[in-house]
């Protein structure tokens, strides 16, 4: 009984430490993002993206959808998209392209800061996520146009209920998110500790080691990367920050893990979410995973060409 209480106390301590790392990032960034919304900065960025969206075969107005998702989150982008979809018809191809781009580049103020805390420079994360999203969207547009597929009208099976846009409701929403994050992190740390004790983590490492080595990572990064890929950067990134600061994973492991999660994260929840507004699995899951593998191969090739000093100077930063 004493051992159980001690274990529980340790878990709560680790959960608090990991959550505080995230909250120190998320709270100030959320306030800044809210101010940007109030000042209509997002609308300005959305209008600026309009010509780029047309290159991807999308209506110029979808620039506002992507800008909203990049600066706020996926749900914010969906709400803007639904307002557009109420006045015009989008094909499945168009929705798939837009959703695929959003899945790679969204919630950037928060996720870029998490990546920096994990040891990845801000300039790289921003450029990598936004440029990758645009390239992936362009490739999908070329493929869909060439083969004339997914040209049928998209159908939405779910629409989020817009909460009353008051400052009080926003604060309550943020508090609810933070409580949920704390709870999920506690569950993740508990599960990982349990799996480590019964030897499952070692087996997962052994199974994933060949694939991770192919992607340039050591097996120590396997469980952390798996969390990020399946559940999202906020959870996987938070744990990676903790591991990077403790020295349990190398700077290169942290960099490659964060880069991999930048292209493919929350594969379950976010994929299902995008399907409900009419996107096809061809792009948002199968295409994205394939694009991630190719992207990581290119990143590894570039990193391996650099000296350790050059890598740390241009791509890596201190985690202290």
Protein backbone atom coordinates (compact mmCIF):
# COMPACT_ATOMS: atom_id res chain seq x y z
CA UNK A 1 0.00 0.00 0.00
CA UNK A 2 2.87 2.34 0.85
CA UNK A 3 4.55 1.53 -2.49
CA UNK A 4 1.30 2.31 -4.33
CA UNK A 5 0.94 5.69 -2.61
CA UNK A 6 4.56 6.50 -3.37
CA UNK A 7 4.08 5.54 -7.02
CA UNK A 8 0.91 7.64 -7.24
CA UNK A 9 2.67 10.61 -5.68
CA UNK A 10 5.51 10.29 -8.20
CA UNK A 11 3.02 10.13 -11.08
CA UNK A 12 1.20 13.26 -9.92
CA UNK A 13 4.52 15.06 -9.56
CA UNK A 14 5.58 14.09 -13.10
CA UNK A 15 2.13 15.04 -14.45
CA UNK A 16 2.30 18.45 -12.80
CA UNK A 17 5.82 19.04 -14.13
CA UNK A 18 4.89 18.01 -17.69
CA UNK A 19 1.58 19.93 -17.62
CA UNK A 20 3.26 23.09 -16.34
CA UNK A 21 5.69 22.95 -19.24
CA UNK A 22 2.74 22.94 -21.63
CA UNK A 23 0.63 25.47 -19.71
CA UNK A 24 3.49 27.97 -19.62
CA UNK A 25 3.43 27.77 -23.41
CA UNK A 26 -0.29 27.46 -24.08
CA UNK A 27 -1.73 30.11 -21.75
CA UNK A 28 0.22 33.16 -22.99
CA UNK A 29 0.01 31.97 -26.62
CA UNK A 30 -3.76 31.48 -26.31
CA UNK A 31 -4.14 35.03 -25.02
CA UNK A 32 -2.07 36.41 -27.90
CA UNK A 33 -4.10 34.41 -30.43
CA UNK A 34 -7.34 35.72 -28.92
CA UNK A 35 -6.05 39.28 -29.32
CA UNK A 36 -5.19 38.55 -32.96
CA UNK A 37 -8.76 37.36 -33.49
CA UNK A 38 -10.18 40.51 -31.90
CA UNK A 39 -7.91 42.73 -34.03
CA UNK A 40 -8.93 40.86 -37.24
CA UNK A 41 -5.29 39.98 -38.00
CA UNK A 42 -6.39 36.48 -39.05
CA UNK A 43 -8.66 37.96 -41.74
CA UNK A 44 -5.73 39.94 -43.14
CA UNK A 45 -3.54 36.82 -43.30
CA UNK A 46 -6.39 34.85 -44.88
CA UNK A 47 -6.80 37.45 -47.63
CA UNK A 48 -3.05 37.35 -48.23
CA UNK A 49 -3.20 33.57 -48.74
CA UNK A 50 -5.97 33.83 -51.34
CA UNK A 51 -3.66 33.78 -54.43
CA UNK A 52 -1.78 30.75 -53.06
CA UNK A 53 -5.01 28.82 -52.53
CA UNK A 54 -5.96 29.39 -56.18
CA UNK A 55 -2.68 27.75 -57.24
CA UNK A 56 -3.92 24.66 -55.37
CA UNK A 57 -7.22 24.68 -57.27
CA UNK A 58 -9.11 26.04 -54.26
CA UNK A 59 -11.36 29.10 -54.00
CA UNK A 60 -9.48 32.13 -52.68
CA UNK A 61 -11.79 32.34 -49.64
CA UNK A 62 -10.34 29.09 -48.30
CA UNK A 63 -7.23 31.09 -47.41
CA UNK A 64 -9.18 32.36 -44.40
CA UNK A 65 -9.96 28.76 -43.40
CA UNK A 66 -6.30 27.75 -43.47
CA UNK A 67 -5.15 30.96 -41.77
CA UNK A 68 -7.68 30.44 -38.97
CA UNK A 69 -6.58 26.81 -38.47
CA UNK A 70 -2.88 27.75 -38.50
CA UNK A 71 -3.27 30.50 -35.93
CA UNK A 72 -6.02 29.03 -33.73
CA UNK A 73 -6.75 25.31 -34.18
CA UNK A 74 -8.47 22.75 -36.39
CA UNK A 75 -11.91 23.45 -34.93
CA UNK A 76 -11.56 27.16 -35.67
CA UNK A 77 -10.74 26.35 -39.29
CA UNK A 78 -13.70 23.96 -39.55
CA UNK A 79 -16.12 26.59 -38.28
CA UNK A 80 -14.93 29.06 -40.93
CA UNK A 81 -15.12 26.33 -43.60
CA UNK A 82 -18.72 25.50 -42.65
CA UNK A 83 -19.71 29.15 -43.10
CA UNK A 84 -18.24 29.02 -46.63
CA UNK A 85 -19.82 25.65 -47.41
CA UNK A 86 -23.25 27.09 -46.61
CA UNK A 87 -23.03 29.33 -49.69
CA UNK A 88 -21.02 27.23 -52.18
CA UNK A 89 -20.45 23.58 -53.06
CA UNK A 90 -17.01 22.03 -52.58
CA UNK A 91 -15.88 18.83 -54.27
CA UNK A 92 -14.41 15.97 -52.24
CA UNK A 93 -11.05 16.73 -53.87
CA UNK A 94 -11.15 20.37 -52.75
CA UNK A 95 -12.10 19.47 -49.18
CA UNK A 96 -9.42 16.75 -49.08
CA UNK A 97 -6.72 19.16 -50.26
CA UNK A 98 -7.73 21.83 -47.75
CA UNK A 99 -8.05 19.38 -44.86
CA UNK A 100 -4.71 17.73 -45.67
CA UNK A 101 -3.00 21.11 -45.50
CA UNK A 102 -4.72 21.93 -42.22
CA UNK A 103 -3.67 18.60 -40.72
CA UNK A 104 0.00 19.41 -41.36
CA UNK A 105 -0.10 23.11 -40.46
CA UNK A 106 -2.46 24.08 -37.63
CA UNK A 107 -2.22 25.48 -34.08
CA UNK A 108 1.21 26.81 -35.02
CA UNK A 109 1.70 29.37 -32.21
CA UNK A 110 1.32 26.62 -29.60
CA UNK A 111 2.96 23.74 -31.45
CA UNK A 112 5.94 25.75 -32.71
CA UNK A 113 6.61 26.87 -29.13
CA UNK A 114 6.38 23.26 -27.91
CA UNK A 115 8.85 22.25 -30.61
CA UNK A 116 11.24 25.03 -29.52
CA UNK A 117 11.06 23.83 -25.92
CA UNK A 118 11.92 20.33 -27.19
CA UNK A 119 15.05 21.72 -28.88
CA UNK A 120 13.92 22.55 -32.44
CA UNK A 121 14.48 26.06 -33.80
CA UNK A 122 11.38 28.16 -34.50
CA UNK A 123 12.35 29.11 -38.07
CA UNK A 124 12.66 25.45 -39.08
CA UNK A 125 9.36 24.32 -37.55
CA UNK A 126 7.42 27.19 -39.09
CA UNK A 127 8.95 26.85 -42.55
CA UNK A 128 8.82 23.05 -42.47
CA UNK A 129 5.16 22.82 -41.45
CA UNK A 130 3.81 25.57 -43.74
CA UNK A 131 5.93 24.68 -46.78
CA UNK A 132 5.20 20.95 -46.36
CA UNK A 133 1.46 21.65 -46.15
CA UNK A 134 1.57 23.74 -49.33
CA UNK A 135 3.65 21.18 -51.25
CA UNK A 136 1.39 18.33 -50.14
CA UNK A 137 -1.71 20.30 -51.15
CA UNK A 138 -0.16 21.07 -54.54
CA UNK A 139 0.73 17.41 -55.15
CA UNK A 140 -2.78 16.28 -54.24
CA UNK A 141 -4.25 18.90 -56.57
CA UNK A 142 -2.09 17.66 -59.45
CA UNK A 143 -2.97 14.01 -58.80
CA UNK A 144 -6.70 14.60 -58.40
CA UNK A 145 -6.82 16.84 -61.50
CA UNK A 146 -4.80 14.46 -63.67
CA UNK A 147 -6.88 11.38 -62.82
CA UNK A 148 -10.18 13.31 -62.49
CA UNK A 149 -11.01 11.70 -59.17
CA UNK A 150 -13.03 12.87 -56.14
CA UNK A 151 -14.87 15.42 -58.29
CA UNK A 152 -18.25 14.62 -56.70
CA UNK A 153 -19.71 17.11 -54.18
CA UNK A 154 -18.56 16.63 -50.58
CA UNK A 155 -21.05 15.81 -47.85
CA UNK A 156 -20.70 16.90 -44.22
CA UNK A 157 -21.91 14.42 -41.61
CA UNK A 158 -21.17 16.60 -38.57
CA UNK A 159 -21.00 20.27 -37.75
CA UNK A 160 -19.61 21.72 -34.51
CA UNK A 161 -21.97 23.83 -32.47
CA UNK A 162 -20.57 27.35 -32.23
CA UNK A 163 -20.36 28.46 -28.63
CA UNK A 164 -21.54 31.95 -27.68
CA UNK A 165 -18.67 34.26 -28.53
CA UNK A 166 -18.22 35.88 -25.12
CA UNK A 167 -15.02 36.41 -23.19
CA UNK A 168 -16.41 34.37 -20.27
CA UNK A 169 -17.23 31.40 -22.51
CA UNK A 170 -13.71 31.57 -23.99
CA UNK A 171 -12.13 31.47 -20.52
CA UNK A 172 -14.31 28.50 -19.50
CA UNK A 173 -13.38 26.71 -22.72
CA UNK A 174 -9.66 27.25 -22.07
CA UNK A 175 -9.93 26.03 -18.48
CA UNK A 176 -11.77 22.93 -19.67
CA UNK A 177 -9.00 22.25 -22.20
CA UNK A 178 -6.28 22.56 -19.55
CA UNK A 179 -8.08 20.19 -17.17
CA UNK A 180 -8.48 17.66 -19.98
CA UNK A 181 -4.80 17.98 -20.94
CA UNK A 182 -3.75 17.38 -17.31
CA UNK A 183 -5.97 14.30 -17.11
CA UNK A 184 -4.74 12.84 -20.43
CA UNK A 185 -1.08 13.42 -19.52
CA UNK A 186 -1.64 11.68 -16.18
CA UNK A 187 -3.22 8.71 -17.99
CA UNK A 188 -0.40 8.60 -20.56
CA UNK A 189 2.35 8.68 -17.92
CA UNK A 190 0.53 6.01 -15.90
CA UNK A 191 0.14 3.81 -18.96
CA UNK A 192 3.76 4.24 -20.02
CA UNK A 193 5.02 3.47 -16.51
CA UNK A 194 2.82 0.34 -16.36
CA UNK A 195 3.87 -0.83 -19.83
CA UNK A 196 7.50 -0.26 -18.92
CA UNK A 197 7.16 -2.38 -15.78
CA UNK A 198 5.61 -5.34 -17.61
CA UNK A 199 8.12 -5.12 -20.46
CA UNK A 200 5.75 -3.96 -23.21
CA UNK A 201 7.76 -0.77 -23.86
CA UNK A 202 10.87 -2.86 -24.55
CA UNK A 203 8.88 -5.00 -26.99
CA UNK A 204 7.48 -1.89 -28.72
CA UNK A 205 11.00 -0.48 -28.97
CA UNK A 206 12.23 -3.74 -30.50
CA UNK A 207 9.39 -3.82 -33.04
CA UNK A 208 9.73 -0.15 -34.00
CA UNK A 209 13.51 0.01 -33.87
CA UNK A 210 14.07 -0.94 -37.56
CA UNK A 211 11.52 1.63 -38.76
CA UNK A 212 12.87 4.33 -36.46
CA UNK A 213 16.44 3.59 -37.49
CA UNK A 214 15.28 3.98 -41.09
CA UNK A 215 13.93 7.39 -40.06
CA UNK A 216 17.16 8.25 -38.26
CA UNK A 217 15.97 7.85 -34.63
CA UNK A 218 17.09 5.60 -31.81
CA UNK A 219 14.67 3.19 -30.12
CA UNK A 220 14.51 5.48 -27.05
CA UNK A 221 12.33 7.84 -29.05
CA UNK A 222 9.82 5.14 -30.03
CA UNK A 223 7.19 5.41 -27.24
CA UNK A 224 7.27 9.22 -27.23
CA UNK A 225 6.92 9.49 -31.00
CA UNK A 226 4.12 6.92 -30.96
CA UNK A 227 2.18 9.08 -28.48
CA UNK A 228 2.55 12.14 -30.70
CA UNK A 229 1.61 10.32 -33.90
CA UNK A 230 -1.54 8.82 -32.41
CA UNK A 231 -2.66 11.53 -29.95
CA UNK A 232 -1.02 14.78 -31.01
CA UNK A 233 1.93 17.12 -30.52
CA UNK A 234 0.59 18.68 -27.33
CA UNK A 235 0.81 15.32 -25.54
CA UNK A 236 3.76 13.73 -27.33
CA UNK A 237 5.64 17.04 -27.44
CA UNK A 238 5.09 17.66 -23.75
CA UNK A 239 6.61 14.32 -22.86
CA UNK A 240 9.46 14.83 -25.34
CA UNK A 241 10.30 18.17 -23.69
CA UNK A 242 10.51 16.38 -20.37
CA UNK A 243 12.73 13.63 -21.80
CA UNK A 244 14.94 16.08 -23.72
CA UNK A 245 15.49 18.25 -20.66
CA UNK A 246 16.40 15.21 -18.59
CA UNK A 247 18.86 14.06 -21.27
CA UNK A 248 17.10 10.72 -21.88
CA UNK A 249 16.94 11.36 -25.63
CA UNK A 250 19.49 13.08 -27.86
CA UNK A 251 19.01 16.40 -29.65
CA UNK A 252 18.86 14.56 -32.94
CA UNK A 253 16.18 12.16 -31.65
CA UNK A 254 14.12 15.09 -30.36
CA UNK A 255 14.53 16.97 -33.66
CA UNK A 256 13.53 14.03 -35.86
CA UNK A 257 10.70 13.00 -33.56
CA UNK A 258 9.21 16.52 -33.54
CA UNK A 259 9.67 16.77 -37.33
CA UNK A 260 7.89 13.44 -37.85
CA UNK A 261 5.04 14.52 -35.58
CA UNK A 262 4.83 17.81 -37.45
CA UNK A 263 3.84 15.95 -40.62
CA UNK A 264 1.78 13.17 -39.05
CA UNK A 265 0.24 13.56 -35.62
CA UNK A 266 -3.10 12.76 -34.03
CA UNK A 267 -3.71 10.31 -36.88
CA UNK A 268 -6.83 8.89 -35.23
CA UNK A 269 -8.82 11.85 -33.89
CA UNK A 270 -7.92 14.48 -36.49
CA UNK A 271 -8.40 12.08 -39.42
CA UNK A 272 -11.88 11.11 -38.24
CA UNK A 273 -12.70 14.78 -37.67
CA UNK A 274 -11.78 15.73 -41.23
CA UNK A 275 -13.79 12.83 -42.64
CA UNK A 276 -16.92 14.25 -41.03
CA UNK A 277 -16.69 17.41 -43.15
CA UNK A 278 -16.25 15.51 -46.40
CA UNK A 279 -12.52 14.76 -46.82
CA UNK A 280 -11.30 11.47 -48.31
CA UNK A 281 -8.92 9.04 -46.59
CA UNK A 282 -6.89 8.96 -49.81
CA UNK A 283 -5.35 12.30 -48.91
CA UNK A 284 -5.82 12.90 -45.20
CA UNK A 285 -4.44 9.52 -44.08
CA UNK A 286 -2.82 7.34 -46.75
CA UNK A 287 -1.39 10.25 -48.73
CA UNK A 288 -0.22 12.07 -45.61
CA UNK A 289 1.57 9.02 -44.20
CA UNK A 290 3.32 8.39 -47.53
CA UNK A 291 4.25 12.08 -47.79
CA UNK A 292 5.60 11.94 -44.21
CA UNK A 293 7.90 9.03 -45.03
CA UNK A 294 9.28 10.80 -48.12
CA UNK A 295 9.64 14.06 -46.18
CA UNK A 296 11.53 12.37 -43.35
CA UNK A 297 13.88 10.64 -45.79
CA UNK A 298 14.78 14.05 -47.23
CA UNK A 299 15.23 15.58 -43.77
CA UNK A 300 17.49 12.73 -42.68
CA UNK A 301 19.55 13.06 -45.87
CA UNK A 302 20.08 16.77 -45.20
CA UNK A 303 20.85 16.31 -41.49
CA UNK A 304 23.36 13.52 -42.17
CA UNK A 305 25.24 15.83 -44.54
CA UNK A 306 25.77 18.35 -41.74
CA UNK A 307 28.38 18.32 -39.04
CA UNK A 308 27.21 18.18 -35.43
CA UNK A 309 28.16 21.83 -34.99
CA UNK A 310 26.18 22.92 -38.06
CA UNK A 311 23.14 20.88 -37.00
CA UNK A 312 23.10 22.43 -33.54
CA UNK A 313 23.73 25.92 -34.92
CA UNK A 314 20.97 25.98 -37.53
CA UNK A 315 18.38 23.39 -36.45
CA UNK A 316 18.73 22.61 -32.77
CA UNK A 317 18.49 24.84 -29.72
CA UNK A 318 18.97 24.49 -25.98
CA UNK A 319 16.19 22.72 -24.04
CA UNK A 320 17.15 24.23 -20.70
